[in-house]
Amino acid sequence: QKDFPDHRLILLEQNYRSTQRILDAA
């Protein structure tokens, strides 16, 4: 992020493996 200040940041937040209770605990 520092070396490439013009980078695009994208978050992948949808989980296809676990239930919501596990994700909340993590």
mmCIF file of all heavy atoms, coordinates in Angstrom:
data_MODEL
# 
_entry.id   MODEL 
# 
loop_
_atom_site.group_PDB 
_atom_site.id 
_atom_site.type_symbol 
_atom_site.label_atom_id 
_atom_site.label_alt_id 
_atom_site.label_comp_id 
_atom_site.label_asym_id 
_atom_site.label_entity_id 
_atom_site.label_seq_id 
_atom_site.pdbx_PDB_ins_code 
_atom_site.Cartn_x 
_atom_site.Cartn_y 
_atom_site.Cartn_z 
_atom_site.occupancy 
_atom_site.B_iso_or_equiv 
_atom_site.pdbx_formal_charge 
_atom_site.auth_seq_id 
_atom_site.auth_comp_id 
_atom_site.auth_asym_id 
_atom_site.auth_atom_id 
_atom_site.pdbx_PDB_model_num 
ATOM 1   N N   . GLN A 1 1  ? 0.820   -1.209  0.000   1.00 0.00 ? 1  GLN A N   1 
ATOM 2   C CA  . GLN A 1 1  ? 0.000   0.000   0.000   1.00 0.00 ? 1  GLN A CA  1 
ATOM 3   C C   . GLN A 1 1  ? 0.854   1.259   0.000   1.00 0.00 ? 1  GLN A C   1 
ATOM 4   O O   . GLN A 1 1  ? 0.481   2.273   -0.602  1.00 0.00 ? 1  GLN A O   1 
ATOM 5   C CB  . GLN A 1 1  ? -0.934  -0.022  1.217   1.00 0.00 ? 1  GLN A CB  1 
ATOM 6   C CG  . GLN A 1 1  ? -1.979  -1.130  1.135   1.00 0.00 ? 1  GLN A CG  1 
ATOM 7   C CD  . GLN A 1 1  ? -2.816  -1.239  2.390   1.00 0.00 ? 1  GLN A CD  1 
ATOM 8   O OE1 . GLN A 1 1  ? -2.324  -1.584  3.460   1.00 0.00 ? 1  GLN A OE1 1 
ATOM 9   N NE2 . GLN A 1 1  ? -4.097  -0.950  2.267   1.00 0.00 ? 1  GLN A NE2 1 
ATOM 10  N N   . LYS A 1 2  ? 2.009   1.200   0.658   1.00 0.00 ? 2  LYS A N   1 
ATOM 11  C CA  . LYS A 1 2  ? 2.906   2.344   0.688   1.00 0.00 ? 2  LYS A CA  1 
ATOM 12  C C   . LYS A 1 2  ? 3.668   2.499   -0.622  1.00 0.00 ? 2  LYS A C   1 
ATOM 13  O O   . LYS A 1 2  ? 3.809   3.608   -1.149  1.00 0.00 ? 2  LYS A O   1 
ATOM 14  C CB  . LYS A 1 2  ? 3.893   2.200   1.846   1.00 0.00 ? 2  LYS A CB  1 
ATOM 15  C CG  . LYS A 1 2  ? 4.897   3.332   1.957   1.00 0.00 ? 2  LYS A CG  1 
ATOM 16  C CD  . LYS A 1 2  ? 5.864   3.116   3.119   1.00 0.00 ? 2  LYS A CD  1 
ATOM 17  C CE  . LYS A 1 2  ? 6.908   4.227   3.177   1.00 0.00 ? 2  LYS A CE  1 
ATOM 18  N NZ  . LYS A 1 2  ? 7.868   4.012   4.310   1.00 0.00 ? 2  LYS A NZ  1 
ATOM 19  N N   . ASP A 1 3  ? 4.155   1.379   -1.174  1.00 0.00 ? 3  ASP A N   1 
ATOM 20  C CA  . ASP A 1 3  ? 4.978   1.429   -2.383  1.00 0.00 ? 3  ASP A CA  1 
ATOM 21  C C   . ASP A 1 3  ? 4.157   1.695   -3.634  1.00 0.00 ? 3  ASP A C   1 
ATOM 22  O O   . ASP A 1 3  ? 4.696   2.191   -4.639  1.00 0.00 ? 3  ASP A O   1 
ATOM 23  C CB  . ASP A 1 3  ? 5.754   0.119   -2.551  1.00 0.00 ? 3  ASP A CB  1 
ATOM 24  C CG  . ASP A 1 3  ? 6.813   -0.069  -1.480  1.00 0.00 ? 3  ASP A CG  1 
ATOM 25  O OD1 . ASP A 1 3  ? 7.245   0.951   -0.896  1.00 0.00 ? 3  ASP A OD1 1 
ATOM 26  O OD2 . ASP A 1 3  ? 7.207   -1.219  -1.210  1.00 0.00 ? 3  ASP A OD2 1 
ATOM 27  N N   . PHE A 1 4  ? 2.877   1.366   -3.603  1.00 0.00 ? 4  PHE A N   1 
ATOM 28  C CA  . PHE A 1 4  ? 1.994   1.613   -4.746  1.00 0.00 ? 4  PHE A CA  1 
ATOM 29  C C   . PHE A 1 4  ? 0.809   2.450   -4.262  1.00 0.00 ? 4  PHE A C   1 
ATOM 30  O O   . PHE A 1 4  ? -0.308  1.944   -4.097  1.00 0.00 ? 4  PHE A O   1 
ATOM 31  C CB  . PHE A 1 4  ? 1.509   0.289   -5.344  1.00 0.00 ? 4  PHE A CB  1 
ATOM 32  C CG  . PHE A 1 4  ? 2.624   -0.601  -5.835  1.00 0.00 ? 4  PHE A CG  1 
ATOM 33  C CD1 . PHE A 1 4  ? 3.130   -1.610  -5.029  1.00 0.00 ? 4  PHE A CD1 1 
ATOM 34  C CD2 . PHE A 1 4  ? 3.181   -0.420  -7.097  1.00 0.00 ? 4  PHE A CD2 1 
ATOM 35  C CE1 . PHE A 1 4  ? 4.165   -2.427  -5.465  1.00 0.00 ? 4  PHE A CE1 1 
ATOM 36  C CE2 . PHE A 1 4  ? 4.211   -1.233  -7.551  1.00 0.00 ? 4  PHE A CE2 1 
ATOM 37  C CZ  . PHE A 1 4  ? 4.702   -2.231  -6.731  1.00 0.00 ? 4  PHE A CZ  1 
ATOM 38  N N   . PRO A 1 5  ? 1.032   3.741   -4.020  1.00 0.00 ? 5  PRO A N   1 
ATOM 39  C CA  . PRO A 1 5  ? -0.007  4.571   -3.406  1.00 0.00 ? 5  PRO A CA  1 
ATOM 40  C C   . PRO A 1 5  ? -1.266  4.727   -4.257  1.00 0.00 ? 5  PRO A C   1 
ATOM 41  O O   . PRO A 1 5  ? -2.331  5.059   -3.731  1.00 0.00 ? 5  PRO A O   1 
ATOM 42  C CB  . PRO A 1 5  ? 0.698   5.925   -3.213  1.00 0.00 ? 5  PRO A CB  1 
ATOM 43  C CG  . PRO A 1 5  ? 1.837   5.914   -4.178  1.00 0.00 ? 5  PRO A CG  1 
ATOM 44  C CD  . PRO A 1 5  ? 2.272   4.496   -4.277  1.00 0.00 ? 5  PRO A CD  1 
ATOM 45  N N   . ASP A 1 6  ? -1.162  4.465   -5.562  1.00 0.00 ? 6  ASP A N   1 
ATOM 46  C CA  . ASP A 1 6  ? -2.337  4.601   -6.432  1.00 0.00 ? 6  ASP A CA  1 
ATOM 47  C C   . ASP A 1 6  ? -3.050  3.265   -6.628  1.00 0.00 ? 6  ASP A C   1 
ATOM 48  O O   . ASP A 1 6  ? -3.825  3.098   -7.571  1.00 0.00 ? 6  ASP A O   1 
ATOM 49  C CB  . ASP A 1 6  ? -1.933  5.173   -7.783  1.00 0.00 ? 6  ASP A CB  1 
ATOM 50  C CG  . ASP A 1 6  ? -0.895  4.312   -8.496  1.00 0.00 ? 6  ASP A CG  1 
ATOM 51  O OD1 . ASP A 1 6  ? -0.242  3.490   -7.832  1.00 0.00 ? 6  ASP A OD1 1 
ATOM 52  O OD2 . ASP A 1 6  ? -0.738  4.473   -9.731  1.00 0.00 ? 6  ASP A OD2 1 
ATOM 53  N N   . HIS A 1 7  ? -2.796  2.294   -5.737  1.00 0.00 ? 7  HIS A N   1 
ATOM 54  C CA  . HIS A 1 7  ? -3.403  0.981   -5.893  1.00 0.00 ? 7  HIS A CA  1 
ATOM 55  C C   . HIS A 1 7  ? -4.911  1.033   -5.656  1.00 0.00 ? 7  HIS A C   1 
ATOM 56  O O   . HIS A 1 7  ? -5.416  1.927   -4.976  1.00 0.00 ? 7  HIS A O   1 
ATOM 57  C CB  . HIS A 1 7  ? -2.774  -0.010  -4.905  1.00 0.00 ? 7  HIS A CB  1 
ATOM 58  C CG  . HIS A 1 7  ? -3.169  0.239   -3.480  1.00 0.00 ? 7  HIS A CG  1 
ATOM 59  N ND1 . HIS A 1 7  ? -2.590  1.217   -2.700  1.00 0.00 ? 7  HIS A ND1 1 
ATOM 60  C CD2 . HIS A 1 7  ? -4.101  -0.361  -2.686  1.00 0.00 ? 7  HIS A CD2 1 
ATOM 61  C CE1 . HIS A 1 7  ? -3.135  1.215   -1.511  1.00 0.00 ? 7  HIS A CE1 1 
ATOM 62  N NE2 . HIS A 1 7  ? -4.064  0.270   -1.464  1.00 0.00 ? 7  HIS A NE2 1 
ATOM 63  N N   . ARG A 1 8  ? -5.597  0.055   -6.220  1.00 0.00 ? 8  ARG A N   1 
ATOM 64  C CA  . ARG A 1 8  ? -7.022  -0.139  -5.931  1.00 0.00 ? 8  ARG A CA  1 
ATOM 65  C C   . ARG A 1 8  ? -7.157  -1.185  -4.830  1.00 0.00 ? 8  ARG A C   1 
ATOM 66  O O   . ARG A 1 8  ? -6.544  -2.244  -4.896  1.00 0.00 ? 8  ARG A O   1 
ATOM 67  C CB  . ARG A 1 8  ? -7.755  -0.603  -7.192  1.00 0.00 ? 8  ARG A CB  1 
ATOM 68  C CG  . ARG A 1 8  ? -7.767  0.413   -8.325  1.00 0.00 ? 8  ARG A CG  1 
ATOM 69  C CD  . ARG A 1 8  ? -8.765  1.521   -8.070  1.00 0.00 ? 8  ARG A CD  1 
ATOM 70  N NE  . ARG A 1 8  ? -10.139 1.021   -8.108  1.00 0.00 ? 8  ARG A NE  1 
ATOM 71  C CZ  . ARG A 1 8  ? -10.876 0.985   -9.222  1.00 0.00 ? 8  ARG A CZ  1 
ATOM 72  N NH1 . ARG A 1 8  ? -10.368 1.402   -10.372 1.00 0.00 ? 8  ARG A NH1 1 
ATOM 73  N NH2 . ARG A 1 8  ? -12.113 0.533   -9.180  1.00 0.00 ? 8  ARG A NH2 1 
ATOM 74  N N   . LEU A 1 9  ? -7.961  -0.892  -3.813  1.00 0.00 ? 9  LEU A N   1 
ATOM 75  C CA  . LEU A 1 9  ? -8.193  -1.806  -2.702  1.00 0.00 ? 9  LEU A CA  1 
ATOM 76  C C   . LEU A 1 9  ? -9.604  -2.366  -2.808  1.00 0.00 ? 9  LEU A C   1 
ATOM 77  O O   . LEU A 1 9  ? -10.583 -1.612  -2.891  1.00 0.00 ? 9  LEU A O   1 
ATOM 78  C CB  . LEU A 1 9  ? -8.013  -1.087  -1.365  1.00 0.00 ? 9  LEU A CB  1 
ATOM 79  C CG  . LEU A 1 9  ? -8.350  -1.892  -0.107  1.00 0.00 ? 9  LEU A CG  1 
ATOM 80  C CD1 . LEU A 1 9  ? -7.406  -3.076  0.036   1.00 0.00 ? 9  LEU A CD1 1 
ATOM 81  C CD2 . LEU A 1 9  ? -8.308  -1.009  1.129   1.00 0.00 ? 9  LEU A CD2 1 
ATOM 82  N N   . ILE A 1 10 ? -9.697  -3.696  -2.814  1.00 0.00 ? 10 ILE A N   1 
ATOM 83  C CA  . ILE A 1 10 ? -10.988 -4.365  -2.918  1.00 0.00 ? 10 ILE A CA  1 
ATOM 84  C C   . ILE A 1 10 ? -11.080 -5.396  -1.805  1.00 0.00 ? 10 ILE A C   1 
ATOM 85  O O   . ILE A 1 10 ? -10.138 -6.167  -1.571  1.00 0.00 ? 10 ILE A O   1 
ATOM 86  C CB  . ILE A 1 10 ? -11.154 -5.049  -4.293  1.00 0.00 ? 10 ILE A CB  1 
ATOM 87  C CG1 . ILE A 1 10 ? -11.022 -4.016  -5.418  1.00 0.00 ? 10 ILE A CG1 1 
ATOM 88  C CG2 . ILE A 1 10 ? -12.491 -5.775  -4.377  1.00 0.00 ? 10 ILE A CG2 1 
ATOM 89  C CD1 . ILE A 1 10 ? -10.722 -4.613  -6.761  1.00 0.00 ? 10 ILE A CD1 1 
ATOM 90  N N   . LEU A 1 11 ? -12.202 -5.415  -1.095  1.00 0.00 ? 11 LEU A N   1 
ATOM 91  C CA  . LEU A 1 11 ? -12.414 -6.372  -0.005  1.00 0.00 ? 11 LEU A CA  1 
ATOM 92  C C   . LEU A 1 11 ? -13.381 -7.461  -0.466  1.00 0.00 ? 11 LEU A C   1 
ATOM 93  O O   . LEU A 1 11 ? -14.464 -7.157  -0.991  1.00 0.00 ? 11 LEU A O   1 
ATOM 94  C CB  . LEU A 1 11 ? -12.983 -5.666  1.224   1.00 0.00 ? 11 LEU A CB  1 
ATOM 95  C CG  . LEU A 1 11 ? -12.189 -4.488  1.788   1.00 0.00 ? 11 LEU A CG  1 
ATOM 96  C CD1 . LEU A 1 11 ? -12.884 -3.934  3.028   1.00 0.00 ? 11 LEU A CD1 1 
ATOM 97  C CD2 . LEU A 1 11 ? -10.764 -4.887  2.129   1.00 0.00 ? 11 LEU A CD2 1 
ATOM 98  N N   . LEU A 1 12 ? -12.986 -8.711  -0.275  1.00 0.00 ? 12 LEU A N   1 
ATOM 99  C CA  . LEU A 1 12 ? -13.897 -9.830  -0.489  1.00 0.00 ? 12 LEU A CA  1 
ATOM 100 C C   . LEU A 1 12 ? -14.372 -10.287 0.878   1.00 0.00 ? 12 LEU A C   1 
ATOM 101 O O   . LEU A 1 12 ? -13.602 -10.860 1.654   1.00 0.00 ? 12 LEU A O   1 
ATOM 102 C CB  . LEU A 1 12 ? -13.192 -10.982 -1.217  1.00 0.00 ? 12 LEU A CB  1 
ATOM 103 C CG  . LEU A 1 12 ? -12.619 -10.697 -2.608  1.00 0.00 ? 12 LEU A CG  1 
ATOM 104 C CD1 . LEU A 1 12 ? -12.091 -11.989 -3.229  1.00 0.00 ? 12 LEU A CD1 1 
ATOM 105 C CD2 . LEU A 1 12 ? -13.642 -10.055 -3.519  1.00 0.00 ? 12 LEU A CD2 1 
ATOM 106 N N   . GLU A 1 13 ? -15.623 -10.025 1.186   1.00 0.00 ? 13 GLU A N   1 
ATOM 107 C CA  . GLU A 1 13 ? -16.126 -10.246 2.542   1.00 0.00 ? 13 GLU A CA  1 
ATOM 108 C C   . GLU A 1 13 ? -17.201 -11.325 2.627   1.00 0.00 ? 13 GLU A C   1 
ATOM 109 O O   . GLU A 1 13 ? -17.572 -11.737 3.722   1.00 0.00 ? 13 GLU A O   1 
ATOM 110 C CB  . GLU A 1 13 ? -16.669 -8.935  3.107   1.00 0.00 ? 13 GLU A CB  1 
ATOM 111 C CG  . GLU A 1 13 ? -15.590 -7.850  3.213   1.00 0.00 ? 13 GLU A CG  1 
ATOM 112 C CD  . GLU A 1 13 ? -16.172 -6.481  3.551   1.00 0.00 ? 13 GLU A CD  1 
ATOM 113 O OE1 . GLU A 1 13 ? -17.043 -6.010  2.791   1.00 0.00 ? 13 GLU A OE1 1 
ATOM 114 O OE2 . GLU A 1 13 ? -15.758 -5.910  4.568   1.00 0.00 ? 13 GLU A OE2 1 
ATOM 115 N N   . GLN A 1 14 ? -17.723 -11.786 1.486   1.00 0.00 ? 14 GLN A N   1 
ATOM 116 C CA  . GLN A 1 14 ? -18.754 -12.823 1.536   1.00 0.00 ? 14 GLN A CA  1 
ATOM 117 C C   . GLN A 1 14 ? -18.103 -14.188 1.647   1.00 0.00 ? 14 GLN A C   1 
ATOM 118 O O   . GLN A 1 14 ? -17.296 -14.584 0.804   1.00 0.00 ? 14 GLN A O   1 
ATOM 119 C CB  . GLN A 1 14 ? -19.660 -12.772 0.300   1.00 0.00 ? 14 GLN A CB  1 
ATOM 120 C CG  . GLN A 1 14 ? -20.796 -13.791 0.372   1.00 0.00 ? 14 GLN A CG  1 
ATOM 121 C CD  . GLN A 1 14 ? -21.853 -13.589 -0.687  1.00 0.00 ? 14 GLN A CD  1 
ATOM 122 O OE1 . GLN A 1 14 ? -21.802 -12.615 -1.447  1.00 0.00 ? 14 GLN A OE1 1 
ATOM 123 N NE2 . GLN A 1 14 ? -22.816 -14.487 -0.746  1.00 0.00 ? 14 GLN A NE2 1 
ATOM 124 N N   . ASN A 1 15 ? -18.465 -14.914 2.695   1.00 0.00 ? 15 ASN A N   1 
ATOM 125 C CA  . ASN A 1 15 ? -17.884 -16.218 2.979   1.00 0.00 ? 15 ASN A CA  1 
ATOM 126 C C   . ASN A 1 15 ? -18.842 -17.307 2.501   1.00 0.00 ? 15 ASN A C   1 
ATOM 127 O O   . ASN A 1 15 ? -20.045 -17.241 2.751   1.00 0.00 ? 15 ASN A O   1 
ATOM 128 C CB  . ASN A 1 15 ? -17.630 -16.337 4.489   1.00 0.00 ? 15 ASN A CB  1 
ATOM 129 C CG  . ASN A 1 15 ? -17.077 -17.679 4.897   1.00 0.00 ? 15 ASN A CG  1 
ATOM 130 O OD1 . ASN A 1 15 ? -17.772 -18.671 4.913   1.00 0.00 ? 15 ASN A OD1 1 
ATOM 131 N ND2 . ASN A 1 15 ? -15.794 -17.698 5.243   1.00 0.00 ? 15 ASN A ND2 1 
ATOM 132 N N   . TYR A 1 16 ? -18.277 -18.332 1.835   1.00 0.00 ? 16 TYR A N   1 
ATOM 133 C CA  . TYR A 1 16 ? -19.096 -19.416 1.300   1.00 0.00 ? 16 TYR A CA  1 
ATOM 134 C C   . TYR A 1 16 ? -18.876 -20.728 2.062   1.00 0.00 ? 16 TYR A C   1 
ATOM 135 O O   . TYR A 1 16 ? -19.369 -21.769 1.656   1.00 0.00 ? 16 TYR A O   1 
ATOM 136 C CB  . TYR A 1 16 ? -18.767 -19.635 -0.186  1.00 0.00 ? 16 TYR A CB  1 
ATOM 137 C CG  . TYR A 1 16 ? -19.190 -18.474 -1.050  1.00 0.00 ? 16 TYR A CG  1 
ATOM 138 C CD1 . TYR A 1 16 ? -18.300 -17.435 -1.322  1.00 0.00 ? 16 TYR A CD1 1 
ATOM 139 C CD2 . TYR A 1 16 ? -20.469 -18.394 -1.575  1.00 0.00 ? 16 TYR A CD2 1 
ATOM 140 C CE1 . TYR A 1 16 ? -18.675 -16.355 -2.101  1.00 0.00 ? 16 TYR A CE1 1 
ATOM 141 C CE2 . TYR A 1 16 ? -20.862 -17.313 -2.359  1.00 0.00 ? 16 TYR A CE2 1 
ATOM 142 C CZ  . TYR A 1 16 ? -19.967 -16.302 -2.617  1.00 0.00 ? 16 TYR A CZ  1 
ATOM 143 O OH  . TYR A 1 16 ? -20.346 -15.226 -3.391  1.00 0.00 ? 16 TYR A OH  1 
ATOM 144 N N   . ARG A 1 17 ? -18.143 -20.668 3.171   1.00 0.00 ? 17 ARG A N   1 
ATOM 145 C CA  . ARG A 1 17 ? -17.715 -21.892 3.834   1.00 0.00 ? 17 ARG A CA  1 
ATOM 146 C C   . ARG A 1 17 ? -18.348 -22.072 5.217   1.00 0.00 ? 17 ARG A C   1 
ATOM 147 O O   . ARG A 1 17 ? -18.600 -23.194 5.639   1.00 0.00 ? 17 ARG A O   1 
ATOM 148 C CB  . ARG A 1 17 ? -16.187 -21.855 3.966   1.00 0.00 ? 17 ARG A CB  1 
ATOM 149 C CG  . ARG A 1 17 ? -15.553 -23.105 4.524   1.00 0.00 ? 17 ARG A CG  1 
ATOM 150 C CD  . ARG A 1 17 ? -14.048 -22.899 4.661   1.00 0.00 ? 17 ARG A CD  1 
ATOM 151 N NE  . ARG A 1 17 ? -13.423 -22.637 3.377   1.00 0.00 ? 17 ARG A NE  1 
ATOM 152 C CZ  . ARG A 1 17 ? -12.276 -21.996 3.215   1.00 0.00 ? 17 ARG A CZ  1 
ATOM 153 N NH1 . ARG A 1 17 ? -11.630 -21.529 4.278   1.00 0.00 ? 17 ARG A NH1 1 
ATOM 154 N NH2 . ARG A 1 17 ? -11.771 -21.802 2.025   1.00 0.00 ? 17 ARG A NH2 1 
ATOM 155 N N   . SER A 1 18 ? -18.575 -20.977 5.935   1.00 0.00 ? 18 SER A N   1 
ATOM 156 C CA  . SER A 1 18 ? -18.948 -21.071 7.346   1.00 0.00 ? 18 SER A CA  1 
ATOM 157 C C   . SER A 1 18 ? -20.314 -20.449 7.600   1.00 0.00 ? 18 SER A C   1 
ATOM 158 O O   . SER A 1 18 ? -20.864 -19.722 6.762   1.00 0.00 ? 18 SER A O   1 
ATOM 159 C CB  . SER A 1 18 ? -17.901 -20.366 8.217   1.00 0.00 ? 18 SER A CB  1 
ATOM 160 O OG  . SER A 1 18 ? -16.620 -20.903 7.990   1.00 0.00 ? 18 SER A OG  1 
ATOM 161 N N   . THR A 1 19 ? -20.842 -20.694 8.794   1.00 0.00 ? 19 THR A N   1 
ATOM 162 C CA  . THR A 1 19 ? -22.069 -20.031 9.218   1.00 0.00 ? 19 THR A CA  1 
ATOM 163 C C   . THR A 1 19 ? -21.725 -18.681 9.845   1.00 0.00 ? 19 THR A C   1 
ATOM 164 O O   . THR A 1 19 ? -20.579 -18.412 10.201  1.00 0.00 ? 19 THR A O   1 
ATOM 165 C CB  . THR A 1 19 ? -22.808 -20.896 10.258  1.00 0.00 ? 19 THR A CB  1 
ATOM 166 O OG1 . THR A 1 19 ? -21.953 -21.094 11.387  1.00 0.00 ? 19 THR A OG1 1 
ATOM 167 C CG2 . THR A 1 19 ? -23.192 -22.238 9.660   1.00 0.00 ? 19 THR A CG2 1 
ATOM 168 N N   . GLN A 1 20 ? -22.743 -17.836 10.003  1.00 0.00 ? 20 GLN A N   1 
ATOM 169 C CA  . GLN A 1 20 ? -22.501 -16.485 10.502  1.00 0.00 ? 20 GLN A CA  1 
ATOM 170 C C   . GLN A 1 20 ? -21.987 -16.492 11.941  1.00 0.00 ? 20 GLN A C   1 
ATOM 171 O O   . GLN A 1 20 ? -21.173 -15.654 12.321  1.00 0.00 ? 20 GLN A O   1 
ATOM 172 C CB  . GLN A 1 20 ? -23.787 -15.652 10.421  1.00 0.00 ? 20 GLN A CB  1 
ATOM 173 C CG  . GLN A 1 20 ? -23.573 -14.165 10.662  1.00 0.00 ? 20 GLN A CG  1 
ATOM 174 C CD  . GLN A 1 20 ? -22.696 -13.528 9.587   1.00 0.00 ? 20 GLN A CD  1 
ATOM 175 O OE1 . GLN A 1 20 ? -22.915 -13.735 8.401   1.00 0.00 ? 20 GLN A OE1 1 
ATOM 176 N NE2 . GLN A 1 20 ? -21.694 -12.767 9.998   1.00 0.00 ? 20 GLN A NE2 1 
ATOM 177 N N   . ARG A 1 21 ? -22.431 -17.447 12.749  1.00 0.00 ? 21 ARG A N   1 
ATOM 178 C CA  . ARG A 1 21 ? -21.980 -17.490 14.137  1.00 0.00 ? 21 ARG A CA  1 
ATOM 179 C C   . ARG A 1 21 ? -20.465 -17.697 14.205  1.00 0.00 ? 21 ARG A C   1 
ATOM 180 O O   . ARG A 1 21 ? -19.775 -17.071 15.012  1.00 0.00 ? 21 ARG A O   1 
ATOM 181 C CB  . ARG A 1 21 ? -22.709 -18.610 14.891  1.00 0.00 ? 21 ARG A CB  1 
ATOM 182 C CG  . ARG A 1 21 ? -22.452 -18.595 16.401  1.00 0.00 ? 21 ARG A CG  1 
ATOM 183 C CD  . ARG A 1 21 ? -23.203 -19.728 17.078  1.00 0.00 ? 21 ARG A CD  1 
ATOM 184 N NE  . ARG A 1 21 ? -24.626 -19.661 16.835  1.00 0.00 ? 21 ARG A NE  1 
ATOM 185 C CZ  . ARG A 1 21 ? -25.496 -18.921 17.521  1.00 0.00 ? 21 ARG A CZ  1 
ATOM 186 N NH1 . ARG A 1 21 ? -25.043 -18.154 18.509  1.00 0.00 ? 21 ARG A NH1 1 
ATOM 187 N NH2 . ARG A 1 21 ? -26.776 -18.933 17.248  1.00 0.00 ? 21 ARG A NH2 1 
ATOM 188 N N   . ILE A 1 22 ? -19.942 -18.568 13.357  1.00 0.00 ? 22 ILE A N   1 
ATOM 189 C CA  . ILE A 1 22 ? -18.489 -18.807 13.319  1.00 0.00 ? 22 ILE A CA  1 
ATOM 190 C C   . ILE A 1 22 ? -17.761 -17.543 12.870  1.00 0.00 ? 22 ILE A C   1 
ATOM 191 O O   . ILE A 1 22 ? -16.735 -17.152 13.441  1.00 0.00 ? 22 ILE A O   1 
ATOM 192 C CB  . ILE A 1 22 ? -18.165 -19.993 12.393  1.00 0.00 ? 22 ILE A CB  1 
ATOM 193 C CG1 . ILE A 1 22 ? -18.649 -21.296 13.037  1.00 0.00 ? 22 ILE A CG1 1 
ATOM 194 C CG2 . ILE A 1 22 ? -16.669 -20.060 12.088  1.00 0.00 ? 22 ILE A CG2 1 
ATOM 195 C CD1 . ILE A 1 22 ? -18.517 -22.505 12.147  1.00 0.00 ? 22 ILE A CD1 1 
ATOM 196 N N   . LEU A 1 23 ? -18.271 -16.876 11.849  1.00 0.00 ? 23 LEU A N   1 
ATOM 197 C CA  . LEU A 1 23 ? -17.620 -15.655 11.348  1.00 0.00 ? 23 LEU A CA  1 
ATOM 198 C C   . LEU A 1 23 ? -17.624 -14.566 12.419  1.00 0.00 ? 23 LEU A C   1 
ATOM 199 O O   . LEU A 1 23 ? -16.619 -13.856 12.605  1.00 0.00 ? 23 LEU A O   1 
ATOM 200 C CB  . LEU A 1 23 ? -18.332 -15.158 10.092  1.00 0.00 ? 23 LEU A CB  1 
ATOM 201 C CG  . LEU A 1 23 ? -18.314 -16.103 8.888   1.00 0.00 ? 23 LEU A CG  1 
ATOM 202 C CD1 . LEU A 1 23 ? -19.063 -15.470 7.715   1.00 0.00 ? 23 LEU A CD1 1 
ATOM 203 C CD2 . LEU A 1 23 ? -16.905 -16.461 8.481   1.00 0.00 ? 23 LEU A CD2 1 
ATOM 204 N N   . ASP A 1 24 ? -18.755 -14.418 13.126  1.00 0.00 ? 24 ASP A N   1 
ATOM 205 C CA  . ASP A 1 24 ? -18.838 -13.394 14.177  1.00 0.00 ? 24 ASP A CA  1 
ATOM 206 C C   . ASP A 1 24 ? -17.829 -13.677 15.287  1.00 0.00 ? 24 ASP A C   1 
ATOM 207 O O   . ASP A 1 24 ? -17.179 -12.763 15.813  1.00 0.00 ? 24 ASP A O   1 
ATOM 208 C CB  . ASP A 1 24 ? -20.255 -13.344 14.757  1.00 0.00 ? 24 ASP A CB  1 
ATOM 209 C CG  . ASP A 1 24 ? -21.261 -12.778 13.756  1.00 0.00 ? 24 ASP A CG  1 
ATOM 210 O OD1 . ASP A 1 24 ? -20.822 -12.167 12.753  1.00 0.00 ? 24 ASP A OD1 1 
ATOM 211 O OD2 . ASP A 1 24 ? -22.470 -12.950 13.980  1.00 0.00 ? 24 ASP A OD2 1 
ATOM 212 N N   . ALA A 1 25 ? -17.710 -14.939 15.668  1.00 0.00 ? 25 ALA A N   1 
ATOM 213 C CA  . ALA A 1 25 ? -16.755 -15.299 16.723  1.00 0.00 ? 25 ALA A CA  1 
ATOM 214 C C   . ALA A 1 25 ? -15.319 -15.018 16.272  1.00 0.00 ? 25 ALA A C   1 
ATOM 215 O O   . ALA A 1 25 ? -14.505 -14.468 17.027  1.00 0.00 ? 25 ALA A O   1 
ATOM 216 C CB  . ALA A 1 25 ? -16.911 -16.772 17.087  1.00 0.00 ? 25 ALA A CB  1 
ATOM 217 N N   . ALA A 1 26 ? -15.005 -15.381 15.026  1.00 0.00 ? 26 ALA A N   1 
ATOM 218 C CA  . ALA A 1 26 ? -13.659 -15.135 14.502  1.00 0.00 ? 26 ALA A CA  1 
ATOM 219 C C   . ALA A 1 26 ? -13.349 -13.640 14.466  1.00 0.00 ? 26 ALA A C   1 
ATOM 220 O O   . ALA A 1 26 ? -12.267 -13.198 14.871  1.00 0.00 ? 26 ALA A O   1 
ATOM 221 C CB  . ALA A 1 26 ? -13.519 -15.743 13.109  1.00 0.00 ? 26 ALA A CB  1 
# 
